[in-house]
Amino acid sequence: MADYIKNLKTEISKYLKTDNIYFHYKGRVSLYVILQAMNVKEGDEVIIPAYTCVVVPNPIIYLGAKPVYVDIDKDNLCMDINLLEKNITEKTKVIICQNTYGLSANVDTIVEIAKKHNLYTIEDCTHGFGGFYKNQPNGSYCDAAFYSMQWNKPFSSGIGGFLTINNAELLENINKIDRQKAKPGFLTKLNLKLLFFAKRYFLNNTTYWFLLNFYRWLSKNNLVTGSSSGNEISDIKMPDNFLMDYSQTQAKEGLRNIKKLPKLLALRKNNALKYTEFLLKNNKVFVKKDLFENHSFLKYPILVKNRDKFFDLARKHKIELGDWFNSPIHPVQNNFEKWEMYPEKYPIANYTSQHVVNLPTDTKKIKKVLSFMEKFIDEIL
C-alpha cells in the first residue's frame, strides 16, 4: 500500500524547505501541540490578533493560559505592530502572528520584538501555504508554524493540518507529545470519504450557497466532520479525542490537490490583481499593491455597507462569496467573554468583521464576479 503521508510530506517539504513536518487531524491540533511543546500552562499569556478564528484562542484556553488580543492594522488586516509591545507583560510566553487571507505583514518585526522580550513566536499559516514573505516561505521566521488543509484552504485534504519547527530546542517535546495522538477511527474515515464524494460531484455555482449552509449546519450539530464542531464555537472545553492523528485517507486527497497548487496560486494572484485594479479605479478599499509580492491570495477581502444585503445579491446572481471573519473570533457571535474577547476594545477588528466579504480568488469566472461588483458598486465601501 502506498504511503500517502510520506509522499505528502515530501511534497510539502519542497515548498517549505524543511523536514521538520508533523501531521495532525486538524490545524488547530497542530497549534495545541506547539503550545504544549513550548510549555504553555495556567497563568501564561499568549498574544494573538483580535481578528482570527475561534480555533486559535481555544487551544490556548485548553492549556489553562489566557489569550491576549491585539487589534489589527486596517491596511493589511494583520496584527498592528504599533500596539504589540504595550500588550506584553511578565506573563506573556508566546506571540502568534497570522497570514490573514494569505497576506503576511511585519513577521520579521514581530520576531525581533519577541526576541527582545525572550518570547516564543508561532506563525499561523492556515491561510498562507505557498506564499512568501521577504523571499522566505511563510512559516520560516518564527520558532514554529502551523498550517491547515481544510476544505477551503490553500490546498485541501478535506480535513487536516500540520506543523513545522524552526527552533530545534522544541523538537524533543514535539516528538514526545506527538506519540500521544489517537488514530482516526473507521467511521471518521468513512465520513471523510463521503464528504470528498459530495464535494467532487455535487458542489457547483448552482448548489454553492445551499450546500455551504447545509454543511455548516451539519458540522455545528456534530453530524459530519466539519471545520468546527458545535462544541468548539459554543464552549471552551477541549473536545474528546482532540489530539488526533492524520490518516492515509486524508493524505491521499492532499497529495492529489497539492500537485495542482502551482497553477492555483498563479490563478489566485492574477485574479487578486484584477480585483485591486477594479477597486482602485472605482475609489474603493483594496489590498495594497505592496502586499502582492509573492503572497498567496486565499481570499480577497473587500468591505461592504451591508453584508447581509450583499450576500443576498450574491446568492441571486450565483456568485460564491466567503464571510471570513464574521466576528473578531469567527464564527462566534455571542458570549465573547468566554474567550476573554471584548470586541469593542478592538475597533478595527470589530468594524472589519462586520463589513468584510471575501471574493473568490480560485474562480475561473472572474469576469462574472467583476460584472457583479460593477452592477452593485454602490454597496462596496
Protein backbone atom coordinates (compact mmCIF):
# COMPACT_ATOMS: atom_id res chain seq x y z
CA MET A 1 0.00 0.00 0.00
CA ALA A 2 1.27 3.46 -0.90
CA ASP A 3 2.44 5.63 1.99
CA TYR A 4 0.50 8.78 1.09
CA ILE A 5 1.54 10.57 4.28
CA LYS A 6 5.24 10.10 3.50
CA ASN A 7 4.70 11.25 -0.10
CA LEU A 8 2.72 14.29 1.01
CA LYS A 9 5.46 15.23 3.47
CA THR A 10 7.95 15.12 0.59
CA GLU A 11 5.79 17.47 -1.49
CA ILE A 12 5.27 19.90 1.39
CA SER A 13 8.99 19.96 2.18
CA LYS A 14 9.67 21.17 -1.37
CA TYR A 15 7.68 24.32 -0.58
CA LEU A 16 8.83 24.90 2.98
CA LYS A 17 12.47 23.74 2.75
CA THR A 18 12.24 21.73 5.97
CA ASP A 19 11.75 18.12 7.01
CA ASN A 20 10.50 19.02 10.50
CA ILE A 21 6.88 18.40 9.50
CA TYR A 22 4.30 16.77 11.78
CA PHE A 23 0.76 15.94 10.64
CA HIS A 24 -2.43 16.14 12.70
CA TYR A 25 -6.14 15.67 12.16
CA LYS A 26 -6.67 19.46 12.05
CA GLY A 27 -4.51 22.57 12.05
CA ARG A 28 -5.77 23.59 15.48
CA VAL A 29 -4.40 20.32 16.85
CA SER A 30 -1.00 21.29 15.46
CA LEU A 31 -1.25 24.63 17.29
CA TYR A 32 -2.14 22.81 20.52
CA VAL A 33 0.90 20.54 20.15
CA ILE A 34 3.20 23.54 19.56
CA LEU A 35 1.85 25.37 22.62
CA GLN A 36 2.31 22.24 24.73
CA ALA A 37 5.88 21.87 23.46
CA MET A 38 6.50 25.48 24.50
CA ASN A 39 5.23 24.53 27.97
CA VAL A 40 2.33 26.98 27.86
CA LYS A 41 0.36 26.47 31.07
CA GLU A 42 -2.05 28.02 33.51
CA GLY A 43 -1.20 31.63 34.26
CA ASP A 44 0.64 32.22 30.98
CA GLU A 45 -0.49 34.70 28.32
CA VAL A 46 -0.40 34.20 24.56
CA ILE A 47 -0.73 37.23 22.28
CA ILE A 48 -2.86 36.78 19.15
CA PRO A 49 -4.54 39.06 16.58
CA ALA A 50 -8.03 40.31 17.51
CA TYR A 51 -9.22 39.16 14.09
CA THR A 52 -8.94 35.40 13.82
CA CYS A 53 -10.81 32.11 14.07
CA VAL A 54 -12.02 30.82 17.43
CA VAL A 55 -9.90 27.70 16.96
CA VAL A 56 -6.81 29.84 17.69
CA PRO A 57 -7.74 31.00 21.22
CA ASN A 58 -9.30 27.61 22.00
CA PRO A 59 -6.04 25.60 22.38
CA ILE A 60 -4.60 28.41 24.50
CA ILE A 61 -7.56 28.13 26.85
CA TYR A 62 -7.46 24.31 26.82
CA LEU A 63 -3.99 24.60 28.38
CA GLY A 64 -5.20 27.00 31.08
CA ALA A 65 -3.49 30.05 29.57
CA LYS A 66 -5.06 33.37 28.60
CA PRO A 67 -5.37 34.74 25.05
CA VAL A 68 -4.41 38.41 24.85
CA TYR A 69 -5.73 40.14 21.75
CA VAL A 70 -4.10 42.92 19.73
CA ASP A 71 -6.10 44.99 17.24
CA ILE A 72 -5.25 44.80 13.55
CA ASP A 73 -3.80 47.20 11.02
CA LYS A 74 -6.52 48.27 8.57
CA ASP A 75 -4.06 48.21 5.65
CA ASN A 76 -3.11 44.54 5.95
CA LEU A 77 -5.62 43.04 8.43
CA CYS A 78 -2.74 41.50 10.39
CA MET A 79 -1.65 42.39 13.92
CA ASP A 80 -0.88 46.10 14.42
CA ILE A 81 2.77 46.05 15.44
CA ASN A 82 2.44 49.53 16.96
CA LEU A 83 0.14 48.02 19.60
CA LEU A 84 2.08 44.82 20.21
CA GLU A 85 4.70 45.79 22.78
CA LYS A 86 2.26 47.52 25.12
CA ASN A 87 0.40 44.19 25.46
CA ILE A 88 3.49 42.26 26.58
CA THR A 89 3.60 41.55 30.32
CA GLU A 90 5.70 39.37 32.63
CA LYS A 91 3.11 36.61 32.00
CA THR A 92 3.50 36.66 28.21
CA LYS A 93 5.04 33.48 26.82
CA VAL A 94 4.17 33.37 23.11
CA ILE A 95 3.22 35.69 20.25
CA ILE A 96 1.16 34.26 17.38
CA CYS A 97 1.15 36.19 14.10
CA GLN A 98 -1.12 35.38 11.17
CA ASN A 99 -1.13 35.36 7.34
CA THR A 100 -4.63 36.82 7.09
CA TYR A 101 -6.16 35.75 3.74
CA GLY A 102 -2.63 34.73 2.76
CA LEU A 103 -1.22 38.24 3.33
CA SER A 104 1.89 38.32 5.52
CA ALA A 105 2.92 41.54 7.21
CA ASN A 106 5.67 42.56 9.65
CA VAL A 107 6.55 38.98 10.58
CA ASP A 108 10.25 39.81 10.95
CA THR A 109 9.47 42.81 13.15
CA ILE A 110 7.25 40.70 15.39
CA VAL A 111 10.06 38.14 15.75
CA GLU A 112 12.52 40.91 16.68
CA ILE A 113 10.16 42.22 19.37
CA ALA A 114 9.67 38.68 20.70
CA LYS A 115 13.42 38.05 20.90
CA LYS A 116 13.87 41.32 22.75
CA HIS A 117 11.46 40.03 25.42
CA ASN A 118 12.65 36.39 25.29
CA LEU A 119 9.32 35.09 23.95
CA TYR A 120 8.42 32.25 21.62
CA THR A 121 6.79 33.00 18.26
CA ILE A 122 4.32 30.98 16.19
CA GLU A 123 3.19 31.78 12.66
CA ASP A 124 -0.42 30.97 11.81
CA CYS A 125 -0.06 29.91 8.17
CA THR A 126 -3.51 28.37 7.82
CA HIS A 127 -4.22 30.87 5.01
CA GLY A 128 -0.67 31.23 3.78
CA PHE A 129 0.78 27.97 2.48
CA GLY A 130 2.55 28.52 -0.83
CA GLY A 131 3.18 32.20 -0.19
CA PHE A 132 6.38 34.02 0.72
CA TYR A 133 7.41 36.87 2.99
CA LYS A 134 10.62 38.67 2.04
CA ASN A 135 11.72 35.78 -0.16
CA GLN A 136 11.20 33.15 2.55
CA PRO A 137 8.30 30.66 2.58
CA ASN A 138 5.54 31.57 5.02
CA GLY A 139 6.36 29.87 8.30
CA SER A 140 10.13 30.40 8.07
CA TYR A 141 10.67 33.21 10.57
CA CYS A 142 9.07 32.02 13.80
CA ASP A 143 10.02 29.24 16.20
CA ALA A 144 7.16 27.17 14.81
CA ALA A 145 4.30 27.42 12.34
CA PHE A 146 1.05 25.59 11.75
CA TYR A 147 -0.95 25.06 8.58
CA SER A 148 -4.43 23.90 7.63
CA MET A 149 -5.61 21.56 4.89
CA GLN A 150 -9.34 22.12 5.45
CA TRP A 151 -11.79 22.26 2.54
CA ASN A 152 -11.22 25.93 1.77
CA LYS A 153 -7.51 26.34 2.46
CA PRO A 154 -4.57 26.77 0.00
CA PHE A 155 -4.67 23.06 -0.77
CA SER A 156 -7.06 20.59 0.80
CA SER A 157 -7.05 17.10 2.21
CA GLY A 158 -10.64 17.63 3.32
CA ILE A 159 -9.69 17.94 6.97
CA GLY A 160 -6.12 18.15 8.16
CA GLY A 161 -3.23 20.18 9.45
CA PHE A 162 0.48 20.09 10.13
CA LEU A 163 3.18 21.98 11.96
CA THR A 164 6.77 22.85 11.20
CA ILE A 165 9.56 23.57 13.67
CA ASN A 166 12.41 26.05 13.15
CA ASN A 167 13.64 26.05 16.75
CA ALA A 168 15.46 22.75 17.27
CA GLU A 169 15.08 23.05 21.05
CA LEU A 170 11.38 22.26 20.63
CA LEU A 171 11.83 19.01 18.72
CA GLU A 172 12.22 16.71 21.73
CA ASN A 173 8.96 17.94 23.26
CA ILE A 174 7.16 17.82 19.91
CA ASN A 175 8.17 14.19 19.39
CA LYS A 176 7.09 13.26 22.91
CA ILE A 177 3.64 14.86 22.53
CA ASP A 178 3.16 13.59 19.00
CA ARG A 179 3.40 9.99 20.16
CA GLN A 180 0.20 10.51 22.18
CA LYS A 181 -2.01 11.04 19.10
CA ALA A 182 -5.15 8.91 18.76
CA LYS A 183 -5.77 7.22 15.41
CA PRO A 184 -8.86 8.26 13.38
CA GLY A 185 -11.49 5.52 13.55
CA PHE A 186 -13.29 3.74 10.72
CA LEU A 187 -16.39 5.97 10.91
CA THR A 188 -14.28 9.13 10.83
CA LYS A 189 -12.50 8.00 7.67
CA LEU A 190 -15.79 6.87 6.08
CA ASN A 191 -17.30 10.26 6.86
CA LEU A 192 -14.38 11.93 5.11
CA LYS A 193 -14.73 9.75 2.01
CA LEU A 194 -18.42 10.64 1.74
CA LEU A 195 -17.59 14.34 2.02
CA PHE A 196 -14.91 14.02 -0.70
CA PHE A 197 -17.52 12.41 -2.95
CA ALA A 198 -20.15 15.08 -2.25
CA LYS A 199 -17.73 17.95 -2.84
CA ARG A 200 -16.38 16.46 -6.07
CA TYR A 201 -19.72 15.63 -7.68
CA PHE A 202 -22.32 17.99 -6.21
CA LEU A 203 -20.62 21.32 -5.43
CA ASN A 204 -21.01 23.94 -8.19
CA ASN A 205 -22.18 27.53 -8.71
CA THR A 206 -25.83 26.50 -8.51
CA THR A 207 -25.53 24.45 -5.31
CA TYR A 208 -22.82 26.51 -3.55
CA TRP A 209 -24.95 28.54 -1.11
CA PHE A 210 -27.32 25.70 -0.22
CA LEU A 211 -24.53 23.17 0.36
CA LEU A 212 -22.40 25.68 2.29
CA ASN A 213 -25.21 26.47 4.73
CA PHE A 214 -26.28 22.82 4.96
CA TYR A 215 -22.70 21.67 5.63
CA ARG A 216 -22.23 24.31 8.33
CA TRP A 217 -25.49 23.22 9.97
CA LEU A 218 -24.42 19.56 9.93
CA SER A 219 -21.00 20.49 11.32
CA LYS A 220 -22.46 22.73 14.02
CA ASN A 221 -24.68 19.87 15.15
CA ASN A 222 -21.77 17.38 15.05
CA LEU A 223 -23.40 15.31 12.28
CA VAL A 224 -20.42 15.45 9.92
CA THR A 225 -16.69 16.04 10.22
CA GLY A 226 -16.59 19.79 9.67
CA SER A 227 -14.14 22.62 10.08
CA SER A 228 -15.50 23.30 13.56
CA SER A 229 -17.84 21.21 15.68
CA GLY A 230 -20.71 22.83 17.52
CA ASN A 231 -18.81 22.43 20.79
CA GLU A 232 -15.81 24.39 19.55
CA ILE A 233 -17.85 27.50 18.79
CA SER A 234 -20.06 27.40 21.88
CA ASP A 235 -17.77 26.13 24.62
CA ILE A 236 -14.17 26.36 25.81
CA LYS A 237 -13.90 22.73 26.86
CA MET A 238 -11.48 20.63 24.81
CA PRO A 239 -13.41 18.10 22.67
CA ASP A 240 -12.90 14.39 23.25
CA ASN A 241 -10.13 12.83 21.14
CA PHE A 242 -8.90 16.31 20.20
CA LEU A 243 -5.28 15.17 19.86
CA MET A 244 -5.94 13.04 16.79
CA ASP A 245 -3.57 11.80 14.11
CA TYR A 246 -3.75 12.31 10.36
CA SER A 247 -4.85 9.41 8.14
CA GLN A 248 -3.76 7.94 4.83
CA THR A 249 -7.28 8.76 3.55
CA GLN A 250 -6.65 12.46 4.11
CA ALA A 251 -3.11 12.34 2.77
CA LYS A 252 -4.25 10.71 -0.48
CA GLU A 253 -6.62 13.63 -1.10
CA GLY A 254 -3.97 16.16 -0.04
CA LEU A 255 -1.41 14.66 -2.41
CA ARG A 256 -3.88 14.91 -5.28
CA ASN A 257 -4.53 18.59 -4.56
CA ILE A 258 -1.03 19.84 -3.74
CA LYS A 259 0.04 18.87 -7.25
CA LYS A 260 -2.48 21.40 -8.59
CA LEU A 261 -1.20 24.16 -6.32
CA PRO A 262 1.27 26.00 -8.63
CA LYS A 263 -1.43 26.71 -11.22
CA LEU A 264 -3.91 27.58 -8.50
CA LEU A 265 -1.53 30.06 -6.84
CA ALA A 266 -0.95 31.77 -10.20
CA LEU A 267 -4.70 31.98 -10.78
CA ARG A 268 -5.32 33.44 -7.32
CA LYS A 269 -2.64 36.09 -7.72
CA ASN A 270 -3.86 37.05 -11.20
CA ASN A 271 -7.47 37.34 -10.00
CA ALA A 272 -6.39 39.36 -6.95
CA LEU A 273 -4.60 41.81 -9.23
CA LYS A 274 -7.76 42.24 -11.31
CA TYR A 275 -9.81 42.89 -8.18
CA THR A 276 -7.32 45.50 -6.99
CA GLU A 277 -7.31 47.26 -10.37
CA PHE A 278 -11.11 47.35 -10.39
CA LEU A 279 -11.40 48.67 -6.83
CA LEU A 280 -8.65 51.23 -7.34
CA LYS A 281 -10.37 52.52 -10.49
CA ASN A 282 -13.61 52.92 -8.53
CA ASN A 283 -12.03 54.53 -5.45
CA LYS A 284 -12.89 51.65 -3.15
CA VAL A 285 -10.93 49.95 -0.34
CA PHE A 286 -8.46 47.48 -1.83
CA VAL A 287 -5.46 45.32 -0.96
CA LYS A 288 -2.37 47.50 -1.32
CA LYS A 289 -0.05 46.51 -4.15
CA ASP A 290 2.98 46.34 -1.86
CA LEU A 291 1.36 43.24 -0.34
CA PHE A 292 1.35 41.44 -3.67
CA GLU A 293 4.93 40.29 -3.91
CA ASN A 294 4.90 36.50 -3.57
CA HIS A 295 1.81 36.40 -1.35
CA SER A 296 -0.80 33.68 -1.65
CA PHE A 297 -4.28 35.15 -2.00
CA LEU A 298 -6.50 32.54 -0.41
CA LYS A 299 -9.34 35.07 -0.38
CA TYR A 300 -9.61 38.70 -1.44
CA PRO A 301 -11.21 40.88 1.27
CA ILE A 302 -13.48 43.82 0.49
CA LEU A 303 -15.68 45.91 2.76
CA VAL A 304 -19.38 46.44 2.03
CA LYS A 305 -22.03 48.69 3.55
CA ASN A 306 -24.49 45.93 4.42
CA ARG A 307 -23.09 42.41 4.36
CA ASP A 308 -26.43 40.58 4.63
CA LYS A 309 -27.80 42.54 1.69
CA PHE A 310 -24.63 41.93 -0.33
CA PHE A 311 -24.81 38.18 0.35
CA ASP A 312 -28.46 38.11 -0.74
CA LEU A 313 -27.49 39.78 -4.01
CA ALA A 314 -24.66 37.29 -4.48
CA ARG A 315 -26.98 34.33 -3.96
CA LYS A 316 -29.42 35.65 -6.56
CA HIS A 317 -26.59 36.10 -9.07
CA LYS A 318 -24.91 32.77 -8.18
CA ILE A 319 -21.67 34.42 -7.01
CA GLU A 320 -19.63 32.42 -4.48
CA LEU A 321 -18.56 34.68 -1.60
CA GLY A 322 -16.99 33.97 1.77
CA ASP A 323 -17.62 35.51 5.20
CA TRP A 324 -14.22 35.19 6.93
CA PHE A 325 -14.09 36.63 9.55
CA ASN A 326 -17.64 37.49 10.54
CA SER A 327 -16.59 38.24 14.11
CA PRO A 328 -13.27 39.02 15.82
CA ILE A 329 -13.15 35.30 16.70
CA HIS A 330 -15.01 33.78 13.76
CA PRO A 331 -17.67 32.36 13.77
CA VAL A 332 -18.61 33.15 17.40
CA GLN A 333 -21.47 35.68 17.58
CA ASN A 334 -22.13 35.96 21.31
CA ASN A 335 -20.75 35.20 24.78
CA PHE A 336 -17.36 36.54 23.66
CA GLU A 337 -16.24 36.88 27.25
CA LYS A 338 -15.77 33.09 27.43
CA TRP A 339 -12.75 33.62 25.18
CA GLU A 340 -11.56 36.76 27.05
CA MET A 341 -12.69 38.72 23.97
CA TYR A 342 -14.45 42.11 24.24
CA PRO A 343 -14.99 43.28 20.63
CA GLU A 344 -15.49 46.95 21.49
CA LYS A 345 -11.86 47.08 22.69
CA TYR A 346 -10.63 46.30 19.16
CA PRO A 347 -12.34 48.85 16.87
CA ILE A 348 -10.55 47.97 13.61
CA ALA A 349 -11.09 44.23 14.00
CA ASN A 350 -14.68 44.71 15.12
CA TYR A 351 -15.58 47.04 12.24
CA THR A 352 -13.85 44.83 9.68
CA SER A 353 -15.64 41.72 10.93
CA GLN A 354 -19.00 43.47 10.47
CA HIS A 355 -18.34 44.63 6.91
CA VAL A 356 -15.90 42.19 5.31
CA VAL A 357 -16.75 39.94 2.37
CA ASN A 358 -14.32 37.54 0.67
CA LEU A 359 -14.14 37.48 -3.11
CA PRO A 360 -13.15 34.13 -4.65
CA THR A 361 -9.60 34.04 -5.97
CA ASP A 362 -9.71 30.49 -7.31
CA THR A 363 -12.54 31.25 -9.74
CA LYS A 364 -12.22 30.87 -13.50
CA LYS A 365 -15.25 33.14 -13.89
CA ILE A 366 -13.55 36.37 -12.85
CA LYS A 367 -15.47 38.39 -15.44
CA LYS A 368 -18.75 37.31 -13.87
CA VAL A 369 -17.58 38.42 -10.41
CA LEU A 370 -16.30 41.77 -11.72
CA SER A 371 -19.58 42.32 -13.57
CA PHE A 372 -21.47 41.66 -10.34
CA MET A 373 -19.25 44.11 -8.46
CA GLU A 374 -19.75 46.76 -11.13
CA LYS A 375 -23.51 46.34 -11.02
CA PHE A 376 -23.59 46.82 -7.25
CA ILE A 377 -20.60 49.14 -6.88
CA ASP A 378 -22.51 51.46 -4.54
CA GLU A 379 -22.76 48.65 -2.00
CA ILE A 380 -18.96 48.45 -1.72
CA LEU A 381 -17.04 50.73 0.66
